Amino acid sequence: MRGTSRACRNTGNTHCDSDSFLKGIAPFRQNIVVVDECIFTWYWLADLCARENIAFVLGHHCFVT
């Protein structure tokens, strides 16, 4: 069964930090999978998700829609 996208944000060049991210996903936290297609700045997000026990997937931009 496929999931439903509940929040999709392209932050572009805007600043995103751990607190802002966790606040943004708070309503969906129970059953969330975070997907990132960024090439250079995904490390901090993967580390944060690991610390917070949140599933994280790094996807190629051709397959993330």
PDB file of N, CA and C in Angstrom:
ATOM      1  N   MET A   1       0.848  -1.173   0.000  1.00  0.00           N
ATOM      2  CA  MET A   1       0.000   0.000   0.000  1.00  0.00           C
ATOM      3  C   MET A   1       0.892   1.234   0.000  1.00  0.00           C
ATOM      4  N   ARG A   2       0.608   2.161  -0.867  1.00  0.00           N
ATOM      5  CA  ARG A   2       1.393   3.390  -0.946  1.00  0.00           C
ATOM      6  C   ARG A   2       0.906   4.387   0.091  1.00  0.00           C
ATOM      7  N   GLY A   3       1.835   5.164   0.583  1.00  0.00           N
ATOM      8  CA  GLY A   3       1.505   6.192   1.559  1.00  0.00           C
ATOM      9  C   GLY A   3       0.974   7.438   0.889  1.00  0.00           C
ATOM     10  N   THR A   4       0.586   8.364   1.700  1.00  0.00           N
ATOM     11  CA  THR A   4       0.074   9.631   1.228  1.00  0.00           C
ATOM     12  C   THR A   4       1.025  10.733   1.665  1.00  0.00           C
ATOM     13  N   SER A   5       1.354  11.601   0.745  1.00  0.00           N
ATOM     14  CA  SER A   5       2.208  12.733   1.095  1.00  0.00           C
ATOM     15  C   SER A   5       1.398  13.724   1.911  1.00  0.00           C
ATOM     16  N   ARG A   6       1.843  13.981   3.119  1.00  0.00           N
ATOM     17  CA  ARG A   6       1.141  14.898   4.009  1.00  0.00           C
ATOM     18  C   ARG A   6       1.763  16.276   4.027  1.00  0.00           C
ATOM     19  N   ALA A   7       3.048  16.340   3.768  1.00  0.00           N
ATOM     20  CA  ALA A   7       3.741  17.621   3.743  1.00  0.00           C
ATOM     21  C   ALA A   7       4.881  17.502   2.753  1.00  0.00           C
ATOM     22  N   CYS A   8       4.939  18.421   1.850  1.00  0.00           N
ATOM     23  CA  CYS A   8       6.015  18.423   0.867  1.00  0.00           C
ATOM     24  C   CYS A   8       6.527  19.846   0.777  1.00  0.00           C
ATOM     25  N   ARG A   9       7.795  19.997   1.087  1.00  0.00           N
ATOM     26  CA  ARG A   9       8.350  21.345   1.060  1.00  0.00           C
ATOM     27  C   ARG A   9       9.673  21.333   0.328  1.00  0.00           C
ATOM     28  N   ASN A  10       9.817  22.276  -0.565  1.00  0.00           N
ATOM     29  CA  ASN A  10      11.090  22.505  -1.222  1.00  0.00           C
ATOM     30  C   ASN A  10      11.657  23.760  -0.592  1.00  0.00           C
ATOM     31  N   THR A  11      12.656  23.590   0.251  1.00  0.00           N
ATOM     32  CA  THR A  11      13.179  24.741   0.972  1.00  0.00           C
ATOM     33  C   THR A  11      14.103  25.592   0.118  1.00  0.00           C
ATOM     34  N   GLY A  12      14.485  25.079  -1.053  1.00  0.00           N
ATOM     35  CA  GLY A  12      15.350  25.860  -1.929  1.00  0.00           C
ATOM     36  C   GLY A  12      16.591  26.320  -1.197  1.00  0.00           C
ATOM     37  N   ASN A  13      16.855  27.607  -1.216  1.00  0.00           N
ATOM     38  CA  ASN A  13      18.035  28.151  -0.554  1.00  0.00           C
ATOM     39  C   ASN A  13      17.744  28.696   0.839  1.00  0.00           C
ATOM     40  N   THR A  14      16.549  28.443   1.349  1.00  0.00           N
ATOM     41  CA  THR A  14      16.222  28.952   2.675  1.00  0.00           C
ATOM     42  C   THR A  14      16.881  28.106   3.744  1.00  0.00           C
ATOM     43  N   HIS A  15      17.092  28.715   4.894  1.00  0.00           N
ATOM     44  CA  HIS A  15      17.735  28.028   6.009  1.00  0.00           C
ATOM     45  C   HIS A  15      16.739  27.115   6.716  1.00  0.00           C
ATOM     46  N   CYS A  16      17.154  25.908   6.998  1.00  0.00           N
ATOM     47  CA  CYS A  16      16.333  24.984   7.782  1.00  0.00           C
ATOM     48  C   CYS A  16      17.223  24.392   8.862  1.00  0.00           C
ATOM     49  N   ASP A  17      16.763  24.411  10.087  1.00  0.00           N
ATOM     50  CA  ASP A  17      17.546  23.831  11.175  1.00  0.00           C
ATOM     51  C   ASP A  17      16.753  22.705  11.837  1.00  0.00           C
ATOM     52  N   SER A  18      17.385  22.015  12.745  1.00  0.00           N
ATOM     53  CA  SER A  18      16.779  20.853  13.390  1.00  0.00           C
ATOM     54  C   SER A  18      15.469  21.191  14.092  1.00  0.00           C
ATOM     55  N   ASP A  19      15.461  22.268  14.865  1.00  0.00           N
ATOM     56  CA  ASP A  19      14.248  22.640  15.595  1.00  0.00           C
ATOM     57  C   ASP A  19      13.094  22.960  14.653  1.00  0.00           C
ATOM     58  N   SER A  20      13.363  23.710  13.586  1.00  0.00           N
ATOM     59  CA  SER A  20      12.320  24.053  12.613  1.00  0.00           C
ATOM     60  C   SER A  20      11.784  22.810  11.929  1.00  0.00           C
ATOM     61  N   PHE A  21      12.677  21.910  11.571  1.00  0.00           N
ATOM     62  CA  PHE A  21      12.258  20.676  10.914  1.00  0.00           C
ATOM     63  C   PHE A  21      11.376  19.839  11.836  1.00  0.00           C
ATOM     64  N   LEU A  22      11.826  19.621  13.072  1.00  0.00           N
ATOM     65  CA  LEU A  22      11.046  18.812  14.005  1.00  0.00           C
ATOM     66  C   LEU A  22       9.689  19.436  14.305  1.00  0.00           C
ATOM     67  N   LYS A  23       9.638  20.746  14.395  1.00  0.00           N
ATOM     68  CA  LYS A  23       8.363  21.428  14.601  1.00  0.00           C
ATOM     69  C   LYS A  23       7.449  21.236  13.393  1.00  0.00           C
ATOM     70  N   GLY A  24       8.024  21.295  12.193  1.00  0.00           N
ATOM     71  CA  GLY A  24       7.232  21.142  10.971  1.00  0.00           C
ATOM     72  C   GLY A  24       6.636  19.761  10.779  1.00  0.00           C
ATOM     73  N   ILE A  25       7.329  18.724  11.258  1.00  0.00           N
ATOM     74  CA  ILE A  25       6.814  17.367  11.084  1.00  0.00           C
ATOM     75  C   ILE A  25       6.034  16.866  12.292  1.00  0.00           C
ATOM     76  N   ALA A  26       5.973  17.648  13.345  1.00  0.00           N
ATOM     77  CA  ALA A  26       5.323  17.216  14.586  1.00  0.00           C
ATOM     78  C   ALA A  26       3.924  16.613  14.386  1.00  0.00           C
ATOM     79  N   PRO A  27       3.055  17.210  13.562  1.00  0.00           N
ATOM     80  CA  PRO A  27       1.713  16.627  13.409  1.00  0.00           C
ATOM     81  C   PRO A  27       1.713  15.263  12.728  1.00  0.00           C
ATOM     82  N   PHE A  28       2.793  14.902  12.043  1.00  0.00           N
ATOM     83  CA  PHE A  28       2.845  13.662  11.266  1.00  0.00           C
ATOM     84  C   PHE A  28       3.836  12.665  11.853  1.00  0.00           C
ATOM     85  N   ARG A  29       4.377  12.941  12.990  1.00  0.00           N
ATOM     86  CA  ARG A  29       5.533  12.227  13.532  1.00  0.00           C
ATOM     87  C   ARG A  29       5.317  10.731  13.731  1.00  0.00           C
ATOM     88  N   GLN A  30       4.113  10.302  14.047  1.00  0.00           N
ATOM     89  CA  GLN A  30       3.880   8.903  14.419  1.00  0.00           C
ATOM     90  C   GLN A  30       4.252   7.914  13.305  1.00  0.00           C
ATOM     91  N   ASN A  31       3.859   8.178  12.077  1.00  0.00           N
ATOM     92  CA  ASN A  31       4.096   7.243  10.979  1.00  0.00           C
ATOM     93  C   ASN A  31       4.729   7.958   9.796  1.00  0.00           C
ATOM     94  N   ILE A  32       5.865   8.577  10.006  1.00  0.00           N
ATOM     95  CA  ILE A  32       6.461   9.390   8.949  1.00  0.00           C
ATOM     96  C   ILE A  32       7.711   8.717   8.383  1.00  0.00           C
ATOM     97  N   VAL A  33       7.900   8.916   7.097  1.00  0.00           N
ATOM     98  CA  VAL A  33       9.146   8.578   6.421  1.00  0.00           C
ATOM     99  C   VAL A  33       9.614   9.859   5.748  1.00  0.00           C
ATOM    100  N   VAL A  34      10.815  10.295   6.063  1.00  0.00           N
ATOM    101  CA  VAL A  34      11.378  11.515   5.489  1.00  0.00           C
ATOM    102  C   VAL A  34      12.188  11.134   4.259  1.00  0.00           C
ATOM    103  N   VAL A  35      11.907  11.813   3.146  1.00  0.00           N
ATOM    104  CA  VAL A  35      12.622  11.564   1.900  1.00  0.00           C
ATOM    105  C   VAL A  35      13.322  12.845   1.494  1.00  0.00           C
ATOM    106  N   ASP A  36      14.589  12.734   1.137  1.00  0.00           N
ATOM    107  CA  ASP A  36      15.375  13.898   0.734  1.00  0.00           C
ATOM    108  C   ASP A  36      16.036  13.604  -0.596  1.00  0.00           C
ATOM    109  N   GLU A  37      16.011  14.577  -1.490  1.00  0.00           N
ATOM    110  CA  GLU A  37      16.667  14.399  -2.777  1.00  0.00           C
ATOM    111  C   GLU A  37      17.863  15.331  -2.953  1.00  0.00           C
ATOM    112  N   CYS A  38      18.246  16.004  -1.897  1.00  0.00           N
ATOM    113  CA  CYS A  38      19.328  16.973  -1.971  1.00  0.00           C
ATOM    114  C   CYS A  38      20.681  16.278  -2.096  1.00  0.00           C
ATOM    115  N   ILE A  39      21.561  16.858  -2.844  1.00  0.00           N
ATOM    116  CA  ILE A  39      22.869  16.262  -3.061  1.00  0.00           C
ATOM    117  C   ILE A  39      23.849  16.611  -1.944  1.00  0.00           C
ATOM    118  N   PHE A  40      23.886  17.865  -1.521  1.00  0.00           N
ATOM    119  CA  PHE A  40      24.964  18.322  -0.651  1.00  0.00           C
ATOM    120  C   PHE A  40      24.628  18.439   0.826  1.00  0.00           C
ATOM    121  N   THR A  41      23.393  18.677   1.173  1.00  0.00           N
ATOM    122  CA  THR A  41      23.105  19.041   2.564  1.00  0.00           C
ATOM    123  C   THR A  41      22.224  18.041   3.293  1.00  0.00           C
ATOM    124  N   TRP A  42      22.151  16.828   2.840  1.00  0.00           N
ATOM    125  CA  TRP A  42      21.270  15.860   3.472  1.00  0.00           C
ATOM    126  C   TRP A  42      21.869  15.202   4.700  1.00  0.00           C
ATOM    127  N   TYR A  43      23.151  15.313   4.936  1.00  0.00           N
ATOM    128  CA  TYR A  43      23.800  14.606   6.040  1.00  0.00           C
ATOM    129  C   TYR A  43      23.203  14.973   7.398  1.00  0.00           C
ATOM    130  N   TRP A  44      23.003  16.264   7.638  1.00  0.00           N
ATOM    131  CA  TRP A  44      22.475  16.685   8.936  1.00  0.00           C
ATOM    132  C   TRP A  44      21.066  16.150   9.147  1.00  0.00           C
ATOM    133  N   LEU A  45      20.282  16.080   8.062  1.00  0.00           N
ATOM    134  CA  LEU A  45      18.912  15.590   8.170  1.00  0.00           C
ATOM    135  C   LEU A  45      18.899  14.084   8.439  1.00  0.00           C
ATOM    136  N   ALA A  46      19.761  13.343   7.778  1.00  0.00           N
ATOM    137  CA  ALA A  46      19.868  11.907   8.026  1.00  0.00           C
ATOM    138  C   ALA A  46      20.305  11.642   9.464  1.00  0.00           C
ATOM    139  N   ASP A  47      21.272  12.409   9.948  1.00  0.00           N
ATOM    140  CA  ASP A  47      21.734  12.248  11.330  1.00  0.00           C
ATOM    141  C   ASP A  47      20.632  12.577  12.328  1.00  0.00           C
ATOM    142  N   LEU A  48      19.899  13.655  12.066  1.00  0.00           N
ATOM    143  CA  LEU A  48      18.794  14.044  12.944  1.00  0.00           C
ATOM    144  C   LEU A  48      17.728  12.951  12.984  1.00  0.00           C
ATOM    145  N   CYS A  49      17.347  12.438  11.827  1.00  0.00           N
ATOM    146  CA  CYS A  49      16.330  11.388  11.770  1.00  0.00           C
ATOM    147  C   CYS A  49      16.797  10.141  12.516  1.00  0.00           C
ATOM    148  N   ALA A  50      18.065   9.791  12.391  1.00  0.00           N
ATOM    149  CA  ALA A  50      18.595   8.630  13.113  1.00  0.00           C
ATOM    150  C   ALA A  50      18.497   8.845  14.622  1.00  0.00           C
ATOM    151  N   ARG A  51      18.883  10.030  15.087  1.00  0.00           N
ATOM    152  CA  ARG A  51      18.795  10.342  16.523  1.00  0.00           C
ATOM    153  C   ARG A  51      17.367  10.305  17.034  1.00  0.00           C
ATOM    154  N   GLU A  52      16.428  10.731  16.180  1.00  0.00           N
ATOM    155  CA  GLU A  52      15.021  10.841  16.586  1.00  0.00           C
ATOM    156  C   GLU A  52      14.202   9.591  16.223  1.00  0.00           C
ATOM    157  N   ASN A  53      14.862   8.546  15.716  1.00  0.00           N
ATOM    158  CA  ASN A  53      14.187   7.303  15.299  1.00  0.00           C
ATOM    159  C   ASN A  53      13.107   7.549  14.250  1.00  0.00           C
ATOM    160  N   ILE A  54      13.442   8.354  13.253  1.00  0.00           N
ATOM    161  CA  ILE A  54      12.548   8.661  12.144  1.00  0.00           C
ATOM    162  C   ILE A  54      13.124   7.999  10.893  1.00  0.00           C
ATOM    163  N   ALA A  55      12.290   7.278  10.152  1.00  0.00           N
ATOM    164  CA  ALA A  55      12.752   6.634   8.924  1.00  0.00           C
ATOM    165  C   ALA A  55      13.195   7.694   7.923  1.00  0.00           C
ATOM    166  N   PHE A  56      14.324   7.460   7.269  1.00  0.00           N
ATOM    167  CA  PHE A  56      14.895   8.420   6.323  1.00  0.00           C
ATOM    168  C   PHE A  56      15.306   7.692   5.055  1.00  0.00           C
ATOM    169  N   VAL A  57      14.960   8.285   3.912  1.00  0.00           N
ATOM    170  CA  VAL A  57      15.337   7.726   2.605  1.00  0.00           C
ATOM    171  C   VAL A  57      15.972   8.845   1.785  1.00  0.00           C
ATOM    172  N   LEU A  58      17.123   8.545   1.230  1.00  0.00           N
ATOM    173  CA  LEU A  58      17.772   9.466   0.304  1.00  0.00           C
ATOM    174  C   LEU A  58      17.444   8.987  -1.102  1.00  0.00           C
ATOM    175  N   GLY A  59      16.782   9.834  -1.886  1.00  0.00           N
ATOM    176  CA  GLY A  59      16.347   9.427  -3.209  1.00  0.00           C
ATOM    177  C   GLY A  59      16.998  10.248  -4.316  1.00  0.00           C
ATOM    178  N   HIS A  60      17.140   9.637  -5.463  1.00  0.00           N
ATOM    179  CA  HIS A  60      17.655  10.316  -6.643  1.00  0.00           C
ATOM    180  C   HIS A  60      16.570  11.249  -7.175  1.00  0.00           C
ATOM    181  N   HIS A  61      16.962  12.419  -7.632  1.00  0.00           N
ATOM    182  CA  HIS A  61      15.975  13.429  -8.054  1.00  0.00           C
ATOM    183  C   HIS A  61      15.092  12.944  -9.199  1.00  0.00           C
ATOM    184  N   CYS A  62      15.532  11.998  -9.981  1.00  0.00           N
ATOM    185  CA  CYS A  62      14.698  11.490 -11.088  1.00  0.00           C
ATOM    186  C   CYS A  62      13.546  10.629 -10.601  1.00  0.00           C
ATOM    187  N   PHE A  63      13.643  10.138  -9.368  1.00  0.00           N
ATOM    188  CA  PHE A  63      12.625   9.209  -8.863  1.00  0.00           C
ATOM    189  C   PHE A  63      11.814   9.768  -7.716  1.00  0.00           C
ATOM    190  N   VAL A  64      12.131  10.950  -7.244  1.00  0.00           N
ATOM    191  CA  VAL A  64      11.381  11.586  -6.158  1.00  0.00           C
ATOM    192  C   VAL A  64      10.455  12.620  -6.774  1.00  0.00           C
ATOM    193  N   THR A  65       9.153  12.406  -6.606  1.00  0.00           N
ATOM    194  CA  THR A  65       8.180  13.363  -7.156  1.00  0.00           C
ATOM    195  C   THR A  65       7.217  13.797  -6.079  1.00  0.00           C
TER     196      THR A  65
END
